[in-house]
Amino acid sequence: MPADRFVPGLVVIRGAGDLASGVAYRLHRAGLSVVMTEIPEPRALRRAVSFASAVYDGQIAVEGVEARLVGSAREAQSVLSQGQIPVLVDPEASEALSLSPEVLVDAILAKHNLGTRIDMAPLVIGLGPGFVAGVDVHAVIETNRGHYLGRVLTSGSAEPDTGVPGTVHGYARERVLRSPADGILHSHYRIGDRIEAGAAVAEVAGQPMLAGISGVLRGILHDGLTVRAGEKCGDVDPRGRVEYCMTISDKALAIAGGVLEAILRARHLR
């Protein structure tokens, strides 16, 4: 895409899970126009703070920012004019890219690149591992918790995925809810509900998905999705603070700060 033909201030974000939504929220609040793309059946766990939920429900508000499901680039422009975030079912982002964005952010967090190229927009940013700054994206944002979280990398790659969930109150893997079998997920609780250790949070193929610790249900996949045995389907927050389930995480906002820095830096150097 020629740099002189982009739409200033327009950002397309591939993915609309909780980290992508934190980025969208912060960019929207900073005055940028944001369009998000998703797959037909998003698998976001933290659905209460994921704009991906618009795919199932038609619309969602996250901390006062509203997103709405749209079916085309033209409809996306209409929703943008109303101060909302349009969400397109557009796995390859081809429809969204027809809007000629200034920035493309790959926030799918698949741990490998699913087709994002450095020539897709004047500025292309990748979140986490799977991208090489200067090769397939212009900048990479570190997503691993720790000293470098949210840093902007203009060469090289982010740290590799550890495969270990972040520790909360001393719990890591114990927080995660995994499917006991292949089948369709049927949840017995809603996000924000209090859970006791050993409770059957959901069932799959007639088998219970049990909570390993007590706390509040911070996230769970959309009811009715087909899941695989061992797949991560939800998580329990041992802090027991319901408001944490309904607000964007510190990690998401730190990553969003890195994206905003990368955008402002690119504008200054252009």
C-alpha atoms as a PDB file:
ATOM      1  CA  MET A   1       0.000   0.000   0.000  1.00  0.00           C
ATOM      2  CA  PRO A   2       1.576   3.315  -1.020  1.00  0.00           C
ATOM      3  CA  ALA A   3       2.354   5.450   2.027  1.00  0.00           C
ATOM      4  CA  ASP A   4       0.668   8.493   0.446  1.00  0.00           C
ATOM      5  CA  ARG A   5      -2.694   6.746   0.135  1.00  0.00           C
ATOM      6  CA  PHE A   6      -3.375   5.701   3.718  1.00  0.00           C
ATOM      7  CA  VAL A   7      -6.098   7.159   5.943  1.00  0.00           C
ATOM      8  CA  PRO A   8      -4.387   9.017   8.827  1.00  0.00           C
ATOM      9  CA  GLY A   9      -5.469   7.897  12.274  1.00  0.00           C
ATOM     10  CA  LEU A  10      -7.104   4.677  11.095  1.00  0.00           C
ATOM     11  CA  VAL A  11      -5.894   1.476  12.786  1.00  0.00           C
ATOM     12  CA  VAL A  12      -6.900  -2.070  11.866  1.00  0.00           C
ATOM     13  CA  ILE A  13      -6.376  -4.659  14.592  1.00  0.00           C
ATOM     14  CA  ARG A  14      -6.342  -8.344  13.690  1.00  0.00           C
ATOM     15  CA  GLY A  15      -7.925 -10.169  16.625  1.00  0.00           C
ATOM     16  CA  ALA A  16     -10.335  -8.878  19.253  1.00  0.00           C
ATOM     17  CA  GLY A  17      -9.513 -10.892  22.374  1.00  0.00           C
ATOM     18  CA  ASP A  18      -8.765  -9.286  25.734  1.00  0.00           C
ATOM     19  CA  LEU A  19      -5.232  -8.077  24.930  1.00  0.00           C
ATOM     20  CA  ALA A  20      -6.271  -6.832  21.491  1.00  0.00           C
ATOM     21  CA  SER A  21      -9.243  -5.114  23.119  1.00  0.00           C
ATOM     22  CA  GLY A  22      -6.965  -3.377  25.624  1.00  0.00           C
ATOM     23  CA  VAL A  23      -5.012  -1.993  22.666  1.00  0.00           C
ATOM     24  CA  ALA A  24      -8.213  -0.935  20.883  1.00  0.00           C
ATOM     25  CA  TYR A  25      -9.532   0.735  24.038  1.00  0.00           C
ATOM     26  CA  ARG A  26      -6.383   2.785  24.602  1.00  0.00           C
ATOM     27  CA  LEU A  27      -6.023   3.818  20.953  1.00  0.00           C
ATOM     28  CA  HIS A  28      -9.720   4.760  20.791  1.00  0.00           C
ATOM     29  CA  ARG A  29      -9.359   6.855  23.950  1.00  0.00           C
ATOM     30  CA  ALA A  30      -6.308   8.530  22.382  1.00  0.00           C
ATOM     31  CA  GLY A  31      -8.446   9.701  19.447  1.00  0.00           C
ATOM     32  CA  LEU A  32      -7.539   7.112  16.814  1.00  0.00           C
ATOM     33  CA  SER A  33     -10.153   5.291  14.750  1.00  0.00           C
ATOM     34  CA  VAL A  34     -10.043   1.533  15.304  1.00  0.00           C
ATOM     35  CA  VAL A  35     -11.450  -1.320  13.213  1.00  0.00           C
ATOM     36  CA  MET A  36     -11.118  -4.883  14.546  1.00  0.00           C
ATOM     37  CA  THR A  37     -11.297  -8.211  12.716  1.00  0.00           C
ATOM     38  CA  GLU A  38     -12.140 -11.669  14.006  1.00  0.00           C
ATOM     39  CA  ILE A  39     -12.786 -15.276  13.012  1.00  0.00           C
ATOM     40  CA  PRO A  40     -16.384 -16.590  12.785  1.00  0.00           C
ATOM     41  CA  GLU A  41     -16.215 -18.273  16.227  1.00  0.00           C
ATOM     42  CA  PRO A  42     -13.806 -16.281  18.439  1.00  0.00           C
ATOM     43  CA  ARG A  43     -12.270 -18.204  21.336  1.00  0.00           C
ATOM     44  CA  ALA A  44     -11.717 -15.332  23.741  1.00  0.00           C
ATOM     45  CA  LEU A  45     -11.736 -16.399  27.405  1.00  0.00           C
ATOM     46  CA  ARG A  46     -12.139 -12.967  28.975  1.00  0.00           C
ATOM     47  CA  ARG A  47     -15.322 -12.294  27.038  1.00  0.00           C
ATOM     48  CA  ALA A  48     -16.514  -9.505  29.361  1.00  0.00           C
ATOM     49  CA  VAL A  49     -13.578  -7.347  28.250  1.00  0.00           C
ATOM     50  CA  SER A  50     -13.170  -8.628  24.686  1.00  0.00           C
ATOM     51  CA  PHE A  51     -14.668  -6.799  21.737  1.00  0.00           C
ATOM     52  CA  ALA A  52     -14.744 -10.249  20.089  1.00  0.00           C
ATOM     53  CA  SER A  53     -17.985 -10.814  22.020  1.00  0.00           C
ATOM     54  CA  ALA A  54     -19.703  -8.547  19.482  1.00  0.00           C
ATOM     55  CA  VAL A  55     -19.463 -11.448  17.013  1.00  0.00           C
ATOM     56  CA  TYR A  56     -21.861 -13.442  19.216  1.00  0.00           C
ATOM     57  CA  ASP A  57     -23.957 -10.670  20.754  1.00  0.00           C
ATOM     58  CA  GLY A  58     -23.984  -8.004  18.037  1.00  0.00           C
ATOM     59  CA  GLN A  59     -22.435  -5.392  20.299  1.00  0.00           C
ATOM     60  CA  ILE A  60     -20.524  -4.984  23.551  1.00  0.00           C
ATOM     61  CA  ALA A  61     -19.301  -2.156  25.761  1.00  0.00           C
ATOM     62  CA  VAL A  62     -15.957  -2.445  27.552  1.00  0.00           C
ATOM     63  CA  GLU A  63     -15.304   0.227  30.150  1.00  0.00           C
ATOM     64  CA  GLY A  64     -17.639   2.595  28.344  1.00  0.00           C
ATOM     65  CA  VAL A  65     -16.236   2.021  24.842  1.00  0.00           C
ATOM     66  CA  GLU A  66     -18.778   0.432  22.516  1.00  0.00           C
ATOM     67  CA  ALA A  67     -18.119  -1.996  19.691  1.00  0.00           C
ATOM     68  CA  ARG A  68     -20.570  -3.274  17.102  1.00  0.00           C
ATOM     69  CA  LEU A  69     -20.534  -6.176  14.670  1.00  0.00           C
ATOM     70  CA  VAL A  70     -20.562  -5.026  11.036  1.00  0.00           C
ATOM     71  CA  GLY A  71     -20.692  -6.861   7.744  1.00  0.00           C
ATOM     72  CA  SER A  72     -18.657  -4.655   5.420  1.00  0.00           C
ATOM     73  CA  ALA A  73     -16.058  -1.917   5.197  1.00  0.00           C
ATOM     74  CA  ARG A  74     -18.783   0.587   4.312  1.00  0.00           C
ATOM     75  CA  GLU A  75     -20.760  -0.321   7.432  1.00  0.00           C
ATOM     76  CA  ALA A  76     -17.542  -0.064   9.438  1.00  0.00           C
ATOM     77  CA  GLN A  77     -17.129   3.531   8.280  1.00  0.00           C
ATOM     78  CA  SER A  78     -20.665   4.323   9.454  1.00  0.00           C
ATOM     79  CA  VAL A  79     -19.978   2.847  12.902  1.00  0.00           C
ATOM     80  CA  LEU A  80     -16.693   4.764  13.147  1.00  0.00           C
ATOM     81  CA  SER A  81     -18.573   8.002  12.442  1.00  0.00           C
ATOM     82  CA  GLN A  82     -20.722   7.249  15.506  1.00  0.00           C
ATOM     83  CA  GLY A  83     -17.677   6.981  17.772  1.00  0.00           C
ATOM     84  CA  GLN A  84     -17.806   3.201  18.105  1.00  0.00           C
ATOM     85  CA  ILE A  85     -15.446   0.375  17.198  1.00  0.00           C
ATOM     86  CA  PRO A  86     -16.595  -1.811  14.288  1.00  0.00           C
ATOM     87  CA  VAL A  87     -15.836  -5.544  14.454  1.00  0.00           C
ATOM     88  CA  LEU A  88     -15.675  -7.454  11.162  1.00  0.00           C
ATOM     89  CA  VAL A  89     -15.685 -11.217  10.721  1.00  0.00           C
ATOM     90  CA  ASP A  90     -12.715 -10.991   8.396  1.00  0.00           C
ATOM     91  CA  PRO A  91     -10.007 -13.579   9.235  1.00  0.00           C
ATOM     92  CA  GLU A  92      -7.581 -12.380   6.560  1.00  0.00           C
ATOM     93  CA  ALA A  93      -8.388  -8.692   7.265  1.00  0.00           C
ATOM     94  CA  SER A  94      -8.869  -8.168   3.512  1.00  0.00           C
ATOM     95  CA  GLU A  95     -12.134  -6.243   3.926  1.00  0.00           C
ATOM     96  CA  ALA A  96     -10.720  -4.076   6.710  1.00  0.00           C
ATOM     97  CA  LEU A  97      -7.546  -3.340   4.761  1.00  0.00           C
ATOM     98  CA  SER A  98      -9.652  -1.973   1.889  1.00  0.00           C
ATOM     99  CA  LEU A  99     -10.135   1.047   4.180  1.00  0.00           C
ATOM    100  CA  SER A 100      -6.409   1.916   3.710  1.00  0.00           C
ATOM    101  CA  PRO A 101      -5.399   2.144   7.380  1.00  0.00           C
ATOM    102  CA  GLU A 102      -2.351   4.012   8.593  1.00  0.00           C
ATOM    103  CA  VAL A 103      -1.563   1.144  10.995  1.00  0.00           C
ATOM    104  CA  LEU A 104      -2.112  -2.602  11.079  1.00  0.00           C
ATOM    105  CA  VAL A 105      -1.710  -4.363  14.433  1.00  0.00           C
ATOM    106  CA  ASP A 106      -1.547  -8.164  14.507  1.00  0.00           C
ATOM    107  CA  ALA A 107      -2.982  -8.978  17.935  1.00  0.00           C
ATOM    108  CA  ILE A 108      -4.057 -12.550  17.201  1.00  0.00           C
ATOM    109  CA  LEU A 109      -1.376 -13.817  19.627  1.00  0.00           C
ATOM    110  CA  ALA A 110      -1.088 -17.158  17.866  1.00  0.00           C
ATOM    111  CA  LYS A 111       2.649 -17.350  18.758  1.00  0.00           C
ATOM    112  CA  HIS A 112       3.361 -17.483  15.019  1.00  0.00           C
ATOM    113  CA  ASN A 113       2.571 -15.238  12.073  1.00  0.00           C
ATOM    114  CA  LEU A 114      -0.743 -16.024  10.361  1.00  0.00           C
ATOM    115  CA  GLY A 115      -0.099 -14.047   7.212  1.00  0.00           C
ATOM    116  CA  THR A 116       0.683 -10.495   8.315  1.00  0.00           C
ATOM    117  CA  ARG A 117       3.187  -8.748   6.020  1.00  0.00           C
ATOM    118  CA  ILE A 118       5.212  -5.596   6.442  1.00  0.00           C
ATOM    119  CA  ASP A 119       3.708  -4.108   3.251  1.00  0.00           C
ATOM    120  CA  MET A 120       0.082  -4.278   4.439  1.00  0.00           C
ATOM    121  CA  ALA A 121       0.135  -0.733   5.856  1.00  0.00           C
ATOM    122  CA  PRO A 122       2.610   2.137   6.322  1.00  0.00           C
ATOM    123  CA  LEU A 123       3.123   0.863   9.889  1.00  0.00           C
ATOM    124  CA  VAL A 124       2.687  -2.817  10.811  1.00  0.00           C
ATOM    125  CA  ILE A 125       2.995  -3.925  14.445  1.00  0.00           C
ATOM    126  CA  GLY A 126       3.066  -7.470  15.811  1.00  0.00           C
ATOM    127  CA  LEU A 127       2.245  -8.414  19.402  1.00  0.00           C
ATOM    128  CA  GLY A 128       4.399 -11.076  21.019  1.00  0.00           C
ATOM    129  CA  PRO A 129       6.425 -13.942  19.553  1.00  0.00           C
ATOM    130  CA  GLY A 130       6.149 -15.035  15.939  1.00  0.00           C
ATOM    131  CA  PHE A 131       7.232 -11.768  14.300  1.00  0.00           C
ATOM    132  CA  VAL A 132      10.604 -10.315  13.359  1.00  0.00           C
ATOM    133  CA  ALA A 133      10.808  -6.526  13.467  1.00  0.00           C
ATOM    134  CA  GLY A 134      12.172  -5.199  10.197  1.00  0.00           C
ATOM    135  CA  VAL A 135      11.212  -8.362   8.326  1.00  0.00           C
ATOM    136  CA  ASP A 136       7.484  -9.119   8.521  1.00  0.00           C
ATOM    137  CA  VAL A 137       6.501  -6.159  10.733  1.00  0.00           C
ATOM    138  CA  HIS A 138       7.980  -2.754  11.476  1.00  0.00           C
ATOM    139  CA  ALA A 139       7.801  -3.159  15.249  1.00  0.00           C
ATOM    140  CA  VAL A 140       7.156  -5.909  17.801  1.00  0.00           C
ATOM    141  CA  ILE A 141       5.637  -5.353  21.241  1.00  0.00           C
ATOM    142  CA  GLU A 142       6.845  -7.561  24.100  1.00  0.00           C
ATOM    143  CA  THR A 143       3.921  -9.462  25.670  1.00  0.00           C
ATOM    144  CA  ASN A 144       5.656 -11.619  28.292  1.00  0.00           C
ATOM    145  CA  ARG A 145       5.124 -10.432  31.848  1.00  0.00           C
ATOM    146  CA  GLY A 146       8.248  -9.087  33.478  1.00  0.00           C
ATOM    147  CA  HIS A 147      10.686  -6.234  33.136  1.00  0.00           C
ATOM    148  CA  TYR A 148      10.253  -5.856  29.355  1.00  0.00           C
ATOM    149  CA  LEU A 149       6.449  -6.058  29.112  1.00  0.00           C
ATOM    150  CA  GLY A 150       5.149  -3.467  26.654  1.00  0.00           C
ATOM    151  CA  ARG A 151       8.586  -2.576  25.229  1.00  0.00           C
ATOM    152  CA  VAL A 152       8.771  -1.600  21.543  1.00  0.00           C
ATOM    153  CA  LEU A 153      11.275  -3.656  19.557  1.00  0.00           C
ATOM    154  CA  THR A 154      12.425  -2.285  16.200  1.00  0.00           C
ATOM    155  CA  SER A 155      14.698  -5.250  15.508  1.00  0.00           C
ATOM    156  CA  GLY A 156      14.517  -8.903  16.430  1.00  0.00           C
ATOM    157  CA  SER A 157      11.680 -10.783  18.095  1.00  0.00           C
ATOM    158  CA  ALA A 158       9.777 -10.870  21.363  1.00  0.00           C
ATOM    159  CA  GLU A 159      10.641 -13.418  24.038  1.00  0.00           C
ATOM    160  CA  PRO A 160       9.370 -16.951  23.278  1.00  0.00           C
ATOM    161  CA  ASP A 161       6.131 -18.090  24.887  1.00  0.00           C
ATOM    162  CA  THR A 162       6.792 -19.787  28.230  1.00  0.00           C
ATOM    163  CA  GLY A 163       3.600 -21.858  28.133  1.00  0.00           C
ATOM    164  CA  VAL A 164       3.062 -21.033  31.819  1.00  0.00           C
ATOM    165  CA  PRO A 165       0.118 -18.798  32.837  1.00  0.00           C
ATOM    166  CA  GLY A 166       0.914 -15.689  34.847  1.00  0.00           C
ATOM    167  CA  THR A 167       1.082 -16.218  38.599  1.00  0.00           C
ATOM    168  CA  VAL A 168      -1.758 -14.677  40.621  1.00  0.00           C
ATOM    169  CA  HIS A 169      -1.658 -15.008  44.422  1.00  0.00           C
ATOM    170  CA  GLY A 170       0.812 -17.845  44.023  1.00  0.00           C
ATOM    171  CA  TYR A 171      -1.306 -19.800  41.533  1.00  0.00           C
ATOM    172  CA  ALA A 172      -0.389 -20.333  37.870  1.00  0.00           C
ATOM    173  CA  ARG A 173      -1.460 -23.550  36.145  1.00  0.00           C
ATOM    174  CA  GLU A 174      -3.980 -24.183  38.918  1.00  0.00           C
ATOM    175  CA  ARG A 175      -6.021 -21.188  37.738  1.00  0.00           C
ATOM    176  CA  VAL A 176      -6.651 -22.649  34.300  1.00  0.00           C
ATOM    177  CA  LEU A 177      -9.793 -24.600  33.442  1.00  0.00           C
ATOM    178  CA  ARG A 178      -9.207 -27.271  30.799  1.00  0.00           C
ATOM    179  CA  SER A 179     -11.683 -29.386  28.905  1.00  0.00           C
ATOM    180  CA  PRO A 180     -11.972 -32.957  30.216  1.00  0.00           C
ATOM    181  CA  ALA A 181     -12.927 -34.324  26.774  1.00  0.00           C
ATOM    182  CA  ASP A 182     -13.650 -33.530  23.144  1.00  0.00           C
ATOM    183  CA  GLY A 183     -17.138 -32.118  22.701  1.00  0.00           C
ATOM    184  CA  ILE A 184     -19.403 -29.113  23.174  1.00  0.00           C
ATOM    185  CA  LEU A 185     -18.854 -26.812  26.141  1.00  0.00           C
ATOM    186  CA  HIS A 186     -21.848 -26.182  28.407  1.00  0.00           C
ATOM    187  CA  SER A 187     -21.115 -23.686  31.171  1.00  0.00           C
ATOM    188  CA  HIS A 188     -22.818 -23.726  34.582  1.00  0.00           C
ATOM    189  CA  TYR A 189     -21.473 -20.336  35.705  1.00  0.00           C
ATOM    190  CA  ARG A 190     -21.153 -16.814  34.350  1.00  0.00           C
ATOM    191  CA  ILE A 191     -18.070 -14.608  34.317  1.00  0.00           C
ATOM    192  CA  GLY A 192     -17.795 -12.903  37.707  1.00  0.00           C
ATOM    193  CA  ASP A 193     -19.524 -15.733  39.609  1.00  0.00           C
ATOM    194  CA  ARG A 194     -17.820 -17.005  42.739  1.00  0.00           C
ATOM    195  CA  ILE A 195     -16.393 -20.505  42.399  1.00  0.00           C
ATOM    196  CA  GLU A 196     -15.313 -23.015  45.030  1.00  0.00           C
ATOM    197  CA  ALA A 197     -12.448 -25.448  44.475  1.00  0.00           C
ATOM    198  CA  GLY A 198     -13.845 -28.683  43.064  1.00  0.00           C
ATOM    199  CA  ALA A 199     -16.951 -27.061  41.576  1.00  0.00           C
ATOM    200  CA  ALA A 200     -18.115 -28.272  38.165  1.00  0.00           C
ATOM    201  CA  VAL A 201     -17.775 -24.986  36.276  1.00  0.00           C
ATOM    202  CA  ALA A 202     -18.933 -26.562  33.003  1.00  0.00           C
ATOM    203  CA  GLU A 203     -19.294 -29.902  31.315  1.00  0.00           C
ATOM    204  CA  VAL A 204     -18.087 -31.343  28.042  1.00  0.00           C
ATOM    205  CA  ALA A 205     -19.509 -34.592  26.633  1.00  0.00           C
ATOM    206  CA  GLY A 206     -21.103 -35.288  29.987  1.00  0.00           C
ATOM    207  CA  GLN A 207     -17.840 -34.895  31.909  1.00  0.00           C
ATOM    208  CA  PRO A 208     -17.367 -32.091  34.476  1.00  0.00           C
ATOM    209  CA  MET A 209     -14.750 -29.375  34.076  1.00  0.00           C
ATOM    210  CA  LEU A 210     -13.640 -28.866  37.661  1.00  0.00           C
ATOM    211  CA  ALA A 211     -12.159 -25.776  39.307  1.00  0.00           C
ATOM    212  CA  GLY A 212      -8.776 -26.404  40.899  1.00  0.00           C
ATOM    213  CA  ILE A 213      -8.955 -23.388  43.224  1.00  0.00           C
ATOM    214  CA  SER A 214     -11.538 -21.048  44.742  1.00  0.00           C
ATOM    215  CA  GLY A 215     -12.085 -17.513  43.442  1.00  0.00           C
ATOM    216  CA  VAL A 216     -14.187 -15.816  40.791  1.00  0.00           C
ATOM    217  CA  LEU A 217     -14.671 -16.985  37.223  1.00  0.00           C
ATOM    218  CA  ARG A 218     -12.518 -14.505  35.292  1.00  0.00           C
ATOM    219  CA  GLY A 219     -13.109 -15.978  31.868  1.00  0.00           C
ATOM    220  CA  ILE A 220     -14.667 -18.874  29.993  1.00  0.00           C
ATOM    221  CA  LEU A 221     -15.205 -19.688  26.327  1.00  0.00           C
ATOM    222  CA  HIS A 222     -18.540 -18.919  24.754  1.00  0.00           C
ATOM    223  CA  ASP A 223     -21.170 -21.540  25.583  1.00  0.00           C
ATOM    224  CA  GLY A 224     -21.763 -24.071  22.827  1.00  0.00           C
ATOM    225  CA  LEU A 225     -18.287 -24.023  21.290  1.00  0.00           C
ATOM    226  CA  THR A 226     -16.703 -27.313  20.298  1.00  0.00           C
ATOM    227  CA  VAL A 227     -13.533 -27.888  22.326  1.00  0.00           C
ATOM    228  CA  ARG A 228     -10.755 -30.457  22.502  1.00  0.00           C
ATOM    229  CA  ALA A 229      -9.620 -32.505  25.496  1.00  0.00           C
ATOM    230  CA  GLY A 230      -7.039 -30.485  27.435  1.00  0.00           C
ATOM    231  CA  GLU A 231      -7.911 -27.207  25.725  1.00  0.00           C
ATOM    232  CA  LYS A 232      -7.815 -24.082  27.876  1.00  0.00           C
ATOM    233  CA  CYS A 233     -11.452 -23.093  28.330  1.00  0.00           C
ATOM    234  CA  GLY A 234     -11.442 -20.680  31.254  1.00  0.00           C
ATOM    235  CA  ASP A 235      -9.654 -19.372  34.312  1.00  0.00           C
ATOM    236  CA  VAL A 236     -10.373 -18.635  37.961  1.00  0.00           C
ATOM    237  CA  ASP A 237      -9.009 -15.527  39.691  1.00  0.00           C
ATOM    238  CA  PRO A 238      -8.050 -16.366  43.290  1.00  0.00           C
ATOM    239  CA  ARG A 239      -8.134 -12.691  44.315  1.00  0.00           C
ATOM    240  CA  GLY A 240     -11.931 -12.896  44.341  1.00  0.00           C
ATOM    241  CA  ARG A 241     -12.430  -9.351  43.012  1.00  0.00           C
ATOM    242  CA  VAL A 242     -15.412  -9.345  40.645  1.00  0.00           C
ATOM    243  CA  GLU A 243     -14.443  -5.933  39.249  1.00  0.00           C
ATOM    244  CA  TYR A 244     -11.186  -7.405  37.944  1.00  0.00           C
ATOM    245  CA  CYS A 245     -13.245  -9.671  35.691  1.00  0.00           C
ATOM    246  CA  MET A 246     -15.018  -6.698  34.146  1.00  0.00           C
ATOM    247  CA  THR A 247     -12.079  -4.361  33.551  1.00  0.00           C
ATOM    248  CA  ILE A 248      -9.098  -4.390  31.194  1.00  0.00           C
ATOM    249  CA  SER A 249      -5.971  -5.950  32.694  1.00  0.00           C
ATOM    250  CA  ASP A 250      -2.736  -4.183  33.556  1.00  0.00           C
ATOM    251  CA  LYS A 251      -0.969  -6.404  31.012  1.00  0.00           C
ATOM    252  CA  ALA A 252      -3.315  -5.379  28.202  1.00  0.00           C
ATOM    253  CA  LEU A 253      -2.893  -1.680  28.989  1.00  0.00           C
ATOM    254  CA  ALA A 254       0.908  -2.003  29.159  1.00  0.00           C
ATOM    255  CA  ILE A 255       0.957  -3.642  25.720  1.00  0.00           C
ATOM    256  CA  ALA A 256      -1.423  -0.958  24.452  1.00  0.00           C
ATOM    257  CA  GLY A 257       0.996   1.689  25.671  1.00  0.00           C
ATOM    258  CA  GLY A 258       3.721   0.066  23.587  1.00  0.00           C
ATOM    259  CA  VAL A 259       1.511   0.121  20.491  1.00  0.00           C
ATOM    260  CA  LEU A 260       0.697   3.790  21.015  1.00  0.00           C
ATOM    261  CA  GLU A 261       4.406   4.580  21.455  1.00  0.00           C
ATOM    262  CA  ALA A 262       5.237   2.748  18.214  1.00  0.00           C
ATOM    263  CA  ILE A 263       2.595   4.729  16.328  1.00  0.00           C
ATOM    264  CA  LEU A 264       3.747   8.103  17.656  1.00  0.00           C
ATOM    265  CA  ARG A 265       7.391   7.252  17.025  1.00  0.00           C
ATOM    266  CA  ALA A 266       6.657   6.259  13.409  1.00  0.00           C
ATOM    267  CA  ARG A 267       4.753   9.491  12.842  1.00  0.00           C
ATOM    268  CA  HIS A 268       7.666  11.510  14.197  1.00  0.00           C
ATOM    269  CA  LEU A 269      10.146   9.726  11.917  1.00  0.00           C
ATOM    270  CA  ARG A 270       7.960   9.820   8.804  1.00  0.00           C
END
